[in-house]
Amino acid sequence: MTPCAHFDDLSKLPTSENITRLRSLNEQVQSCQLCPLSITRTNVVFGEGSPLARVMVVGEAPGKDEDEQGRPFVGRSGQLLRKLLGESFDDLDSEIFITNLLKCRPPNNRNPEPKEIDLCSSYLTRQVAAISPEVVLAVGAFAARTLLKTKLGIGELRAKVYFDGEQVVVPTYHPAAALRGGPLVTTKMRADISLLKLYLEGQASTCPFP
């Protein structure tokens, strides 16, 4: 893959517009009944973090702990992800916004179904538009494939910084895979997050997705 010119970081002045757009979107998502997950959920998990975040983390779907608390990535896998992010970022609250592809938990933590992704991905698109992050960390195969519109596996996608003409995306493994796969997967996640940080510092280049 041939390196491309570095995609310059876009500076954002503090504004209430991001907050207003996210608040309005959150209200819509909280009352969403587009699919049967609205019947089985305990809480909608919209996301959390700064509306001016430089980095947006997109996972797969809420799990049991997230569904109970209404917050993304608060269970065991979420704690690992936050720990790895904290190794590269000093203030997660101001630099990162964390969300999921699906805003409601699939029963028994099953994989998201194509129709659920189709119905819910519009909310993610509007979140990305409202926050306008410099880079998105796609956590897991479902998030990466949806954002990059590909069927490639996460093992083939990771370790690269992509620019699809609209958004910069860095794919990595889901932390649940790291809990199952052990230190090797965790090391690869750490490397991907470090690559993302290098991009933000102007030390890594992007390429268009082939």
N, C-alpha and C. Protein backbone atom coordinates (compact mmCIF):
# COMPACT_ATOMS: atom_id res chain seq x y z
N MET A 1 0.84 -1.19 0.00
CA MET A 1 0.00 0.00 0.00
C MET A 1 0.88 1.24 0.00
N THR A 2 0.66 2.16 -0.95
CA THR A 2 1.50 3.35 -1.08
C THR A 2 1.06 4.42 -0.11
N PRO A 3 1.99 4.96 0.71
CA PRO A 3 1.63 6.01 1.65
C PRO A 3 1.10 7.23 0.92
N CYS A 4 0.15 7.92 1.51
CA CYS A 4 -0.41 9.13 0.94
C CYS A 4 -0.02 10.32 1.79
N ALA A 5 -0.28 11.49 1.29
CA ALA A 5 0.05 12.69 2.05
C ALA A 5 -0.74 12.71 3.34
N HIS A 6 -0.12 13.24 4.38
CA HIS A 6 -0.78 13.29 5.68
C HIS A 6 -2.01 14.16 5.61
N PHE A 7 -3.11 13.64 6.14
CA PHE A 7 -4.36 14.37 6.17
C PHE A 7 -4.30 15.34 7.34
N ASP A 8 -4.21 16.63 7.07
CA ASP A 8 -3.99 17.63 8.12
C ASP A 8 -5.10 17.64 9.15
N ASP A 9 -4.74 17.75 10.41
CA ASP A 9 -5.71 17.85 11.49
C ASP A 9 -6.51 19.15 11.35
N LEU A 10 -7.80 19.05 11.60
CA LEU A 10 -8.66 20.22 11.51
C LEU A 10 -8.90 20.78 12.90
N SER A 11 -8.52 22.04 13.11
CA SER A 11 -8.72 22.67 14.42
C SER A 11 -10.19 23.05 14.57
N LYS A 12 -10.70 22.92 15.78
CA LYS A 12 -12.09 23.25 16.06
C LYS A 12 -12.15 24.28 17.20
N LEU A 13 -12.85 25.34 16.94
CA LEU A 13 -13.06 26.31 18.00
C LEU A 13 -14.19 25.83 18.90
N PRO A 14 -14.10 26.09 20.21
CA PRO A 14 -15.18 25.68 21.12
C PRO A 14 -16.51 26.29 20.67
N THR A 15 -17.53 25.49 20.61
CA THR A 15 -18.83 25.97 20.17
C THR A 15 -19.91 25.15 20.84
N SER A 16 -21.08 25.73 21.02
CA SER A 16 -22.19 25.00 21.62
C SER A 16 -22.95 24.19 20.58
N GLU A 17 -22.64 24.38 19.30
CA GLU A 17 -23.36 23.69 18.24
C GLU A 17 -23.22 22.17 18.37
N ASN A 18 -21.99 21.72 18.70
CA ASN A 18 -21.78 20.28 18.87
C ASN A 18 -22.68 19.73 19.97
N ILE A 19 -22.73 20.44 21.08
CA ILE A 19 -23.52 20.00 22.22
C ILE A 19 -25.00 19.98 21.87
N THR A 20 -25.48 21.01 21.18
CA THR A 20 -26.88 21.10 20.81
C THR A 20 -27.29 19.96 19.88
N ARG A 21 -26.44 19.67 18.91
CA ARG A 21 -26.74 18.60 17.95
C ARG A 21 -26.73 17.23 18.63
N LEU A 22 -25.77 17.03 19.53
CA LEU A 22 -25.71 15.75 20.23
C LEU A 22 -26.88 15.59 21.19
N ARG A 23 -27.26 16.67 21.87
CA ARG A 23 -28.39 16.59 22.79
C ARG A 23 -29.67 16.24 22.05
N SER A 24 -29.89 16.87 20.91
CA SER A 24 -31.07 16.58 20.12
C SER A 24 -31.07 15.14 19.61
N LEU A 25 -29.90 14.68 19.16
CA LEU A 25 -29.79 13.30 18.68
C LEU A 25 -30.01 12.31 19.81
N ASN A 26 -29.47 12.61 20.98
CA ASN A 26 -29.63 11.73 22.14
C ASN A 26 -31.10 11.57 22.49
N GLU A 27 -31.85 12.66 22.43
CA GLU A 27 -33.28 12.58 22.72
C GLU A 27 -34.00 11.66 21.76
N GLN A 28 -33.59 11.69 20.50
CA GLN A 28 -34.21 10.81 19.51
C GLN A 28 -33.85 9.35 19.76
N VAL A 29 -32.58 9.12 20.08
CA VAL A 29 -32.12 7.75 20.29
C VAL A 29 -32.77 7.14 21.53
N GLN A 30 -32.96 7.94 22.58
CA GLN A 30 -33.54 7.43 23.82
C GLN A 30 -34.94 6.87 23.61
N SER A 31 -35.65 7.42 22.64
CA SER A 31 -37.03 6.96 22.40
C SER A 31 -37.13 6.09 21.15
N CYS A 32 -35.99 5.65 20.63
CA CYS A 32 -35.99 4.87 19.39
C CYS A 32 -36.72 3.53 19.55
N GLN A 33 -37.54 3.21 18.57
CA GLN A 33 -38.24 1.93 18.53
C GLN A 33 -38.17 1.32 17.13
N LEU A 34 -37.06 1.56 16.45
CA LEU A 34 -36.92 1.10 15.07
C LEU A 34 -36.79 -0.41 14.95
N CYS A 35 -36.27 -1.06 15.99
CA CYS A 35 -36.09 -2.51 15.92
C CYS A 35 -36.47 -3.16 17.24
N PRO A 36 -36.59 -4.48 17.29
CA PRO A 36 -37.02 -5.18 18.52
C PRO A 36 -36.07 -5.02 19.70
N LEU A 37 -34.85 -4.54 19.50
CA LEU A 37 -33.95 -4.32 20.63
C LEU A 37 -34.52 -3.28 21.59
N SER A 38 -35.40 -2.44 21.10
CA SER A 38 -36.02 -1.43 21.97
C SER A 38 -36.91 -2.09 23.03
N ILE A 39 -37.35 -3.32 22.76
CA ILE A 39 -38.22 -4.03 23.71
C ILE A 39 -37.40 -4.72 24.80
N THR A 40 -36.23 -5.23 24.43
CA THR A 40 -35.44 -6.02 25.38
C THR A 40 -34.40 -5.20 26.14
N ARG A 41 -34.13 -3.99 25.73
CA ARG A 41 -33.09 -3.19 26.39
C ARG A 41 -33.55 -2.71 27.76
N THR A 42 -32.56 -2.44 28.63
CA THR A 42 -32.83 -1.76 29.89
C THR A 42 -32.61 -0.27 29.72
N ASN A 43 -31.49 0.07 29.10
CA ASN A 43 -31.16 1.47 28.82
C ASN A 43 -30.59 1.60 27.42
N VAL A 44 -30.85 2.73 26.80
CA VAL A 44 -30.14 3.11 25.58
C VAL A 44 -28.75 3.57 25.99
N VAL A 45 -27.75 3.15 25.23
CA VAL A 45 -26.37 3.57 25.52
C VAL A 45 -25.93 4.48 24.38
N PHE A 46 -26.12 5.77 24.56
CA PHE A 46 -25.86 6.74 23.51
C PHE A 46 -24.36 6.95 23.29
N GLY A 47 -23.63 7.06 24.38
CA GLY A 47 -22.21 7.37 24.31
C GLY A 47 -21.85 8.43 25.31
N GLU A 48 -20.55 8.65 25.51
CA GLU A 48 -20.12 9.67 26.46
C GLU A 48 -18.74 10.19 26.08
N GLY A 49 -18.46 11.41 26.52
CA GLY A 49 -17.18 12.04 26.24
C GLY A 49 -17.40 13.47 25.78
N SER A 50 -16.36 14.07 25.26
CA SER A 50 -16.42 15.47 24.86
C SER A 50 -17.05 15.64 23.49
N PRO A 51 -17.95 16.62 23.33
CA PRO A 51 -18.51 16.91 22.01
C PRO A 51 -17.47 17.54 21.09
N LEU A 52 -16.31 17.90 21.63
CA LEU A 52 -15.20 18.44 20.84
C LEU A 52 -14.05 17.46 20.77
N ALA A 53 -14.34 16.18 20.96
CA ALA A 53 -13.29 15.16 21.01
C ALA A 53 -12.51 15.08 19.71
N ARG A 54 -11.19 14.90 19.83
CA ARG A 54 -10.35 14.67 18.66
C ARG A 54 -10.50 13.24 18.16
N VAL A 55 -10.82 12.33 19.10
CA VAL A 55 -10.90 10.91 18.78
C VAL A 55 -12.28 10.39 19.15
N MET A 56 -12.87 9.63 18.24
CA MET A 56 -14.15 8.98 18.52
C MET A 56 -13.91 7.48 18.49
N VAL A 57 -14.27 6.79 19.55
CA VAL A 57 -14.12 5.35 19.65
C VAL A 57 -15.48 4.72 19.37
N VAL A 58 -15.52 3.81 18.40
CA VAL A 58 -16.78 3.16 18.03
C VAL A 58 -16.63 1.65 18.23
N GLY A 59 -17.43 1.11 19.15
CA GLY A 59 -17.43 -0.32 19.40
C GLY A 59 -18.57 -1.01 18.68
N GLU A 60 -18.93 -2.18 19.18
CA GLU A 60 -19.93 -3.02 18.51
C GLU A 60 -21.33 -2.77 19.04
N ALA A 61 -21.54 -3.05 20.32
CA ALA A 61 -22.86 -2.92 20.93
C ALA A 61 -22.70 -2.98 22.44
N PRO A 62 -23.66 -2.45 23.19
CA PRO A 62 -23.58 -2.54 24.65
C PRO A 62 -23.67 -3.99 25.12
N GLY A 63 -23.00 -4.27 26.23
CA GLY A 63 -23.12 -5.56 26.89
C GLY A 63 -24.01 -5.44 28.11
N LYS A 64 -23.96 -6.42 28.98
CA LYS A 64 -24.83 -6.46 30.16
C LYS A 64 -24.59 -5.26 31.07
N ASP A 65 -23.32 -4.98 31.39
CA ASP A 65 -23.02 -3.86 32.30
C ASP A 65 -23.41 -2.52 31.67
N GLU A 66 -23.15 -2.40 30.39
CA GLU A 66 -23.48 -1.15 29.70
C GLU A 66 -24.99 -0.93 29.65
N ASP A 67 -25.73 -2.01 29.39
CA ASP A 67 -27.18 -1.93 29.34
C ASP A 67 -27.76 -1.53 30.69
N GLU A 68 -27.15 -2.04 31.76
CA GLU A 68 -27.64 -1.72 33.10
C GLU A 68 -27.32 -0.28 33.49
N GLN A 69 -26.14 0.20 33.10
CA GLN A 69 -25.70 1.54 33.54
C GLN A 69 -26.00 2.65 32.52
N GLY A 70 -26.28 2.26 31.28
CA GLY A 70 -26.52 3.27 30.25
C GLY A 70 -25.26 3.98 29.81
N ARG A 71 -24.11 3.34 30.02
CA ARG A 71 -22.81 3.93 29.66
C ARG A 71 -22.01 2.93 28.82
N PRO A 72 -21.23 3.41 27.86
CA PRO A 72 -20.47 2.51 26.99
C PRO A 72 -19.18 2.03 27.64
N PHE A 73 -18.81 0.79 27.38
CA PHE A 73 -17.51 0.24 27.78
C PHE A 73 -17.21 0.44 29.27
N VAL A 74 -18.08 -0.11 30.10
CA VAL A 74 -17.86 -0.04 31.54
C VAL A 74 -17.63 -1.42 32.16
N GLY A 75 -17.81 -2.48 31.37
CA GLY A 75 -17.56 -3.83 31.86
C GLY A 75 -16.08 -4.18 31.79
N ARG A 76 -15.76 -5.46 31.87
CA ARG A 76 -14.36 -5.89 31.88
C ARG A 76 -13.63 -5.48 30.61
N SER A 77 -14.25 -5.71 29.45
CA SER A 77 -13.59 -5.33 28.21
C SER A 77 -13.47 -3.81 28.09
N GLY A 78 -14.48 -3.11 28.57
CA GLY A 78 -14.41 -1.65 28.55
C GLY A 78 -13.33 -1.10 29.44
N GLN A 79 -13.14 -1.72 30.58
CA GLN A 79 -12.07 -1.28 31.48
C GLN A 79 -10.70 -1.46 30.85
N LEU A 80 -10.54 -2.57 30.11
CA LEU A 80 -9.28 -2.79 29.40
C LEU A 80 -9.09 -1.73 28.32
N LEU A 81 -10.13 -1.45 27.55
CA LEU A 81 -10.03 -0.44 26.51
C LEU A 81 -9.67 0.92 27.09
N ARG A 82 -10.33 1.30 28.17
CA ARG A 82 -10.04 2.60 28.78
C ARG A 82 -8.61 2.65 29.33
N LYS A 83 -8.14 1.52 29.85
CA LYS A 83 -6.76 1.46 30.34
C LYS A 83 -5.77 1.69 29.19
N LEU A 84 -6.00 1.03 28.06
CA LEU A 84 -5.11 1.18 26.91
C LEU A 84 -5.16 2.60 26.35
N LEU A 85 -6.35 3.17 26.29
CA LEU A 85 -6.47 4.55 25.82
C LEU A 85 -5.74 5.51 26.77
N GLY A 86 -5.83 5.23 28.07
CA GLY A 86 -5.18 6.08 29.06
C GLY A 86 -3.67 6.06 28.98
N GLU A 87 -3.11 5.04 28.34
CA GLU A 87 -1.66 4.99 28.17
C GLU A 87 -1.19 5.99 27.12
N SER A 88 -2.08 6.39 26.22
CA SER A 88 -1.71 7.32 25.16
C SER A 88 -2.33 8.70 25.32
N PHE A 89 -3.41 8.80 26.10
CA PHE A 89 -4.11 10.07 26.26
C PHE A 89 -4.20 10.44 27.72
N ASP A 90 -3.87 11.70 28.02
CA ASP A 90 -3.84 12.16 29.41
C ASP A 90 -5.23 12.39 29.98
N ASP A 91 -6.16 12.83 29.16
CA ASP A 91 -7.49 13.19 29.66
C ASP A 91 -8.55 12.62 28.72
N LEU A 92 -9.05 11.43 29.04
CA LEU A 92 -10.03 10.78 28.18
C LEU A 92 -11.31 11.60 28.07
N ASP A 93 -11.70 12.27 29.13
CA ASP A 93 -12.96 13.01 29.14
C ASP A 93 -12.98 14.15 28.13
N SER A 94 -11.82 14.77 27.90
CA SER A 94 -11.78 15.92 27.00
C SER A 94 -11.29 15.57 25.60
N GLU A 95 -10.62 14.44 25.45
CA GLU A 95 -10.02 14.11 24.15
C GLU A 95 -10.78 13.03 23.38
N ILE A 96 -11.69 12.32 24.05
CA ILE A 96 -12.29 11.14 23.43
C ILE A 96 -13.80 11.09 23.66
N PHE A 97 -14.52 10.64 22.64
CA PHE A 97 -15.94 10.34 22.77
C PHE A 97 -16.10 8.86 22.45
N ILE A 98 -16.76 8.11 23.32
CA ILE A 98 -16.90 6.66 23.16
C ILE A 98 -18.36 6.30 22.91
N THR A 99 -18.58 5.48 21.91
CA THR A 99 -19.94 5.04 21.60
C THR A 99 -19.88 3.65 20.97
N ASN A 100 -21.02 3.18 20.49
CA ASN A 100 -21.11 1.88 19.83
C ASN A 100 -21.90 1.99 18.54
N LEU A 101 -21.72 1.01 17.69
CA LEU A 101 -22.48 0.91 16.45
C LEU A 101 -23.97 0.78 16.76
N LEU A 102 -24.32 -0.16 17.65
CA LEU A 102 -25.68 -0.30 18.13
C LEU A 102 -25.82 0.43 19.46
N LYS A 103 -26.95 1.02 19.69
CA LYS A 103 -27.18 1.77 20.92
C LYS A 103 -27.94 0.95 21.96
N CYS A 104 -28.37 -0.25 21.59
CA CYS A 104 -29.08 -1.13 22.52
C CYS A 104 -28.40 -2.50 22.54
N ARG A 105 -28.48 -3.16 23.66
CA ARG A 105 -27.84 -4.47 23.82
C ARG A 105 -28.60 -5.57 23.08
N PRO A 106 -27.93 -6.34 22.24
CA PRO A 106 -28.56 -7.53 21.67
C PRO A 106 -28.73 -8.58 22.77
N PRO A 107 -29.82 -9.31 22.79
CA PRO A 107 -30.04 -10.33 23.82
C PRO A 107 -28.88 -11.33 23.91
N ASN A 108 -28.47 -11.61 25.14
CA ASN A 108 -27.39 -12.57 25.40
C ASN A 108 -26.07 -12.19 24.71
N ASN A 109 -25.94 -10.89 24.42
CA ASN A 109 -24.70 -10.38 23.80
C ASN A 109 -24.41 -11.04 22.45
N ARG A 110 -25.45 -11.44 21.75
CA ARG A 110 -25.23 -12.02 20.43
C ARG A 110 -24.70 -10.94 19.47
N ASN A 111 -24.21 -11.39 18.30
CA ASN A 111 -23.71 -10.45 17.31
C ASN A 111 -24.84 -9.57 16.76
N PRO A 112 -24.52 -8.35 16.39
CA PRO A 112 -25.54 -7.51 15.75
C PRO A 112 -26.00 -8.13 14.44
N GLU A 113 -27.28 -8.00 14.15
CA GLU A 113 -27.82 -8.50 12.90
C GLU A 113 -27.76 -7.41 11.84
N PRO A 114 -27.64 -7.78 10.56
CA PRO A 114 -27.52 -6.78 9.49
C PRO A 114 -28.61 -5.71 9.52
N LYS A 115 -29.86 -6.13 9.77
CA LYS A 115 -30.95 -5.15 9.78
C LYS A 115 -30.77 -4.17 10.94
N GLU A 116 -30.31 -4.66 12.09
CA GLU A 116 -30.08 -3.78 13.24
C GLU A 116 -29.00 -2.76 12.92
N ILE A 117 -27.94 -3.22 12.26
CA ILE A 117 -26.86 -2.31 11.88
C ILE A 117 -27.37 -1.26 10.90
N ASP A 118 -28.15 -1.69 9.91
CA ASP A 118 -28.70 -0.76 8.93
C ASP A 118 -29.56 0.31 9.59
N LEU A 119 -30.38 -0.11 10.53
CA LEU A 119 -31.30 0.84 11.17
C LEU A 119 -30.59 1.78 12.13
N CYS A 120 -29.55 1.28 12.81
CA CYS A 120 -28.90 2.06 13.86
C CYS A 120 -27.71 2.87 13.36
N SER A 121 -27.15 2.50 12.23
CA SER A 121 -25.93 3.17 11.76
C SER A 121 -26.16 4.63 11.40
N SER A 122 -27.41 5.00 11.11
CA SER A 122 -27.67 6.42 10.82
C SER A 122 -27.43 7.28 12.05
N TYR A 123 -27.69 6.73 13.23
CA TYR A 123 -27.39 7.48 14.46
C TYR A 123 -25.89 7.70 14.60
N LEU A 124 -25.12 6.66 14.30
CA LEU A 124 -23.66 6.79 14.37
C LEU A 124 -23.17 7.82 13.37
N THR A 125 -23.70 7.79 12.17
CA THR A 125 -23.31 8.76 11.15
C THR A 125 -23.54 10.18 11.63
N ARG A 126 -24.66 10.40 12.28
CA ARG A 126 -24.99 11.74 12.78
C ARG A 126 -24.13 12.11 13.98
N GLN A 127 -23.76 11.12 14.80
CA GLN A 127 -22.83 11.40 15.89
C GLN A 127 -21.47 11.86 15.36
N VAL A 128 -20.98 11.13 14.37
CA VAL A 128 -19.68 11.49 13.78
C VAL A 128 -19.75 12.89 13.18
N ALA A 129 -20.84 13.20 12.49
CA ALA A 129 -21.00 14.51 11.88
C ALA A 129 -21.04 15.62 12.92
N ALA A 130 -21.70 15.35 14.05
CA ALA A 130 -21.83 16.37 15.10
C ALA A 130 -20.50 16.63 15.79
N ILE A 131 -19.75 15.56 16.05
CA ILE A 131 -18.49 15.69 16.79
C ILE A 131 -17.35 16.08 15.87
N SER A 132 -17.38 15.61 14.64
CA SER A 132 -16.34 15.87 13.65
C SER A 132 -14.96 15.52 14.19
N PRO A 133 -14.74 14.27 14.60
CA PRO A 133 -13.44 13.89 15.17
C PRO A 133 -12.35 13.88 14.10
N GLU A 134 -11.13 14.04 14.52
CA GLU A 134 -10.01 13.95 13.59
C GLU A 134 -9.76 12.52 13.16
N VAL A 135 -10.09 11.57 14.02
CA VAL A 135 -9.88 10.17 13.70
C VAL A 135 -10.86 9.32 14.51
N VAL A 136 -11.31 8.21 13.90
CA VAL A 136 -12.20 7.27 14.57
C VAL A 136 -11.43 5.98 14.83
N LEU A 137 -11.47 5.50 16.06
CA LEU A 137 -10.91 4.19 16.40
C LEU A 137 -12.05 3.19 16.30
N ALA A 138 -12.00 2.32 15.28
CA ALA A 138 -13.03 1.31 15.07
C ALA A 138 -12.64 0.06 15.84
N VAL A 139 -13.39 -0.24 16.90
CA VAL A 139 -13.05 -1.33 17.81
C VAL A 139 -13.86 -2.57 17.46
N GLY A 140 -13.20 -3.53 16.85
CA GLY A 140 -13.86 -4.78 16.49
C GLY A 140 -14.30 -4.82 15.04
N ALA A 141 -14.59 -6.03 14.57
CA ALA A 141 -14.88 -6.25 13.15
C ALA A 141 -16.15 -5.55 12.70
N PHE A 142 -17.21 -5.58 13.51
CA PHE A 142 -18.48 -4.98 13.07
C PHE A 142 -18.34 -3.47 12.86
N ALA A 143 -17.68 -2.79 13.79
CA ALA A 143 -17.48 -1.35 13.65
C ALA A 143 -16.59 -1.04 12.46
N ALA A 144 -15.48 -1.78 12.32
CA ALA A 144 -14.54 -1.52 11.24
C ALA A 144 -15.18 -1.78 9.87
N ARG A 145 -15.88 -2.89 9.74
CA ARG A 145 -16.50 -3.21 8.45
C ARG A 145 -17.58 -2.22 8.08
N THR A 146 -18.34 -1.75 9.06
CA THR A 146 -19.41 -0.79 8.78
C THR A 146 -18.82 0.56 8.38
N LEU A 147 -17.83 1.04 9.12
CA LEU A 147 -17.26 2.35 8.84
C LEU A 147 -16.49 2.37 7.53
N LEU A 148 -15.81 1.27 7.22
CA LEU A 148 -15.00 1.21 6.00
C LEU A 148 -15.72 0.54 4.83
N LYS A 149 -16.95 0.09 5.08
CA LYS A 149 -17.75 -0.54 4.02
C LYS A 149 -16.96 -1.67 3.33
N THR A 150 -16.53 -2.62 4.13
CA THR A 150 -15.74 -3.73 3.63
C THR A 150 -16.16 -5.02 4.31
N LYS A 151 -15.77 -6.15 3.74
CA LYS A 151 -16.01 -7.45 4.36
C LYS A 151 -14.72 -8.06 4.89
N LEU A 152 -13.62 -7.33 4.80
CA LEU A 152 -12.34 -7.83 5.29
C LEU A 152 -12.38 -8.02 6.80
N GLY A 153 -11.60 -8.96 7.30
CA GLY A 153 -11.53 -9.21 8.73
C GLY A 153 -10.64 -8.20 9.44
N ILE A 154 -10.80 -8.12 10.74
CA ILE A 154 -10.06 -7.13 11.52
C ILE A 154 -8.55 -7.41 11.47
N GLY A 155 -8.16 -8.67 11.36
CA GLY A 155 -6.74 -9.00 11.26
C GLY A 155 -6.10 -8.43 10.02
N GLU A 156 -6.89 -8.34 8.93
CA GLU A 156 -6.39 -7.75 7.69
C GLU A 156 -6.43 -6.23 7.71
N LEU A 157 -7.36 -5.67 8.48
CA LEU A 157 -7.57 -4.23 8.46
C LEU A 157 -6.67 -3.47 9.42
N ARG A 158 -6.35 -4.06 10.55
CA ARG A 158 -5.65 -3.33 11.61
C ARG A 158 -4.22 -2.96 11.20
N ALA A 159 -3.60 -2.12 12.04
CA ALA A 159 -2.22 -1.67 11.86
C ALA A 159 -2.07 -0.69 10.71
N LYS A 160 -3.18 -0.06 10.31
CA LYS A 160 -3.15 0.94 9.24
C LYS A 160 -4.06 2.10 9.60
N VAL A 161 -3.78 3.24 8.98
CA VAL A 161 -4.62 4.42 9.12
C VAL A 161 -5.27 4.68 7.77
N TYR A 162 -6.59 4.60 7.72
CA TYR A 162 -7.29 4.75 6.46
C TYR A 162 -7.98 6.10 6.35
N PHE A 163 -8.06 6.62 5.12
CA PHE A 163 -8.88 7.79 4.84
C PHE A 163 -9.74 7.46 3.63
N ASP A 164 -11.05 7.41 3.83
CA ASP A 164 -11.96 6.98 2.77
C ASP A 164 -12.52 8.14 1.96
N GLY A 165 -11.92 9.32 2.13
CA GLY A 165 -12.41 10.50 1.45
C GLY A 165 -13.25 11.39 2.34
N GLU A 166 -13.71 10.82 3.46
CA GLU A 166 -14.53 11.59 4.40
C GLU A 166 -14.01 11.50 5.83
N GLN A 167 -13.57 10.34 6.24
CA GLN A 167 -13.20 10.13 7.64
C GLN A 167 -11.93 9.30 7.75
N VAL A 168 -11.10 9.66 8.72
CA VAL A 168 -9.91 8.88 9.04
C VAL A 168 -10.30 7.80 10.04
N VAL A 169 -9.93 6.56 9.76
CA VAL A 169 -10.33 5.42 10.60
C VAL A 169 -9.12 4.54 10.89
N VAL A 170 -8.95 4.19 12.16
CA VAL A 170 -7.93 3.23 12.59
C VAL A 170 -8.66 2.02 13.18
N PRO A 171 -8.61 0.87 12.53
CA PRO A 171 -9.27 -0.32 13.07
C PRO A 171 -8.38 -1.05 14.08
N THR A 172 -9.01 -1.67 15.06
CA THR A 172 -8.28 -2.51 16.00
C THR A 172 -9.21 -3.61 16.53
N TYR A 173 -8.65 -4.53 17.29
CA TYR A 173 -9.44 -5.60 17.86
C TYR A 173 -10.40 -5.08 18.94
N HIS A 174 -11.45 -5.82 19.18
CA HIS A 174 -12.33 -5.51 20.30
C HIS A 174 -11.65 -6.00 21.57
N PRO A 175 -11.75 -5.25 22.67
CA PRO A 175 -11.09 -5.69 23.90
C PRO A 175 -11.61 -7.04 24.42
N ALA A 176 -12.84 -7.41 24.05
CA ALA A 176 -13.33 -8.74 24.44
C ALA A 176 -12.46 -9.82 23.80
N ALA A 177 -11.97 -9.56 22.59
CA ALA A 177 -11.07 -10.50 21.93
C ALA A 177 -9.74 -10.57 22.66
N ALA A 178 -9.32 -9.46 23.22
CA ALA A 178 -8.07 -9.43 23.99
C ALA A 178 -8.22 -10.21 25.29
N LEU A 179 -9.39 -10.13 25.91
CA LEU A 179 -9.63 -10.90 27.14
C LEU A 179 -9.61 -12.39 26.85
N ARG A 180 -10.07 -12.76 25.66
CA ARG A 180 -10.06 -14.17 25.29
C ARG A 180 -8.69 -14.59 24.75
N GLY A 181 -8.07 -13.72 23.98
CA GLY A 181 -6.84 -14.08 23.28
C GLY A 181 -5.55 -13.83 24.03
N GLY A 182 -5.63 -13.10 25.13
CA GLY A 182 -4.45 -12.92 25.96
C GLY A 182 -3.56 -11.77 25.55
N PRO A 183 -2.32 -11.77 26.06
CA PRO A 183 -1.40 -10.65 25.90
C PRO A 183 -1.10 -10.27 24.45
N LEU A 184 -1.07 -11.23 23.54
CA LEU A 184 -0.72 -10.92 22.16
C LEU A 184 -1.73 -9.97 21.53
N VAL A 185 -3.02 -10.23 21.74
CA VAL A 185 -4.06 -9.36 21.19
C VAL A 185 -4.01 -7.99 21.86
N THR A 186 -3.77 -7.98 23.17
CA THR A 186 -3.65 -6.72 23.89
C THR A 186 -2.49 -5.90 23.34
N THR A 187 -1.38 -6.55 23.05
CA THR A 187 -0.22 -5.86 22.49
C THR A 187 -0.55 -5.25 21.14
N LYS A 188 -1.31 -5.96 20.32
CA LYS A 188 -1.70 -5.44 19.01
C LYS A 188 -2.64 -4.25 19.16
N MET A 189 -3.56 -4.30 20.11
CA MET A 189 -4.44 -3.16 20.36
C MET A 189 -3.63 -1.95 20.80
N ARG A 190 -2.68 -2.18 21.68
CA ARG A 190 -1.83 -1.09 22.15
C ARG A 190 -1.06 -0.45 20.99
N ALA A 191 -0.59 -1.28 20.07
CA ALA A 191 0.14 -0.77 18.92
C ALA A 191 -0.77 0.06 18.01
N ASP A 192 -2.02 -0.38 17.84
CA ASP A 192 -2.95 0.36 16.99
C ASP A 192 -3.29 1.72 17.60
N ILE A 193 -3.48 1.76 18.91
CA ILE A 193 -3.77 3.02 19.58
C ILE A 193 -2.56 3.95 19.51
N SER A 194 -1.38 3.39 19.61
CA SER A 194 -0.15 4.19 19.48
C SER A 194 -0.05 4.76 18.06
N LEU A 195 -0.44 3.96 17.06
CA LEU A 195 -0.43 4.44 15.68
C LEU A 195 -1.40 5.60 15.51
N LEU A 196 -2.57 5.48 16.12
CA LEU A 196 -3.55 6.56 16.08
C LEU A 196 -2.96 7.84 16.68
N LYS A 197 -2.27 7.70 17.80
CA LYS A 197 -1.68 8.87 18.45
C LYS A 197 -0.59 9.48 17.56
N LEU A 198 0.18 8.65 16.90
CA LEU A 198 1.20 9.15 15.97
C LEU A 198 0.55 9.94 14.84
N TYR A 199 -0.59 9.47 14.36
CA TYR A 199 -1.30 10.21 13.33
C TYR A 199 -1.69 11.59 13.83
N LEU A 200 -2.24 11.65 15.03
CA LEU A 200 -2.65 12.94 15.59
C LEU A 200 -1.47 13.88 15.77
N GLU A 201 -0.29 13.32 15.99
CA GLU A 201 0.90 14.13 16.16
C GLU A 201 1.59 14.43 14.84
N GLY A 202 0.99 14.01 13.74
CA GLY A 202 1.55 14.29 12.43
C GLY A 202 2.70 13.39 12.02
N GLN A 203 2.81 12.24 12.69
CA GLN A 203 3.94 11.34 12.42
C GLN A 203 3.52 10.07 11.70
N ALA A 204 2.28 10.00 11.25
CA ALA A 204 1.80 8.84 10.49
C ALA A 204 0.89 9.34 9.38
N SER A 205 0.94 8.66 8.26
CA SER A 205 0.17 9.06 7.09
C SER A 205 -1.02 8.14 6.88
N THR A 206 -1.98 8.64 6.12
CA THR A 206 -3.16 7.85 5.79
C THR A 206 -3.09 7.39 4.34
N CYS A 207 -3.88 6.39 4.05
CA CYS A 207 -4.05 5.91 2.68
C CYS A 207 -5.52 5.73 2.39
N PRO A 208 -5.93 5.89 1.15
CA PRO A 208 -7.32 5.57 0.81
C PRO A 208 -7.54 4.09 0.91
N PHE A 209 -8.76 3.71 1.27
CA PHE A 209 -9.04 2.29 1.38
C PHE A 209 -9.10 1.69 -0.01
N PRO A 210 -8.38 0.59 -0.26
CA PRO A 210 -8.31 0.02 -1.61
C PRO A 210 -9.66 -0.55 -2.07
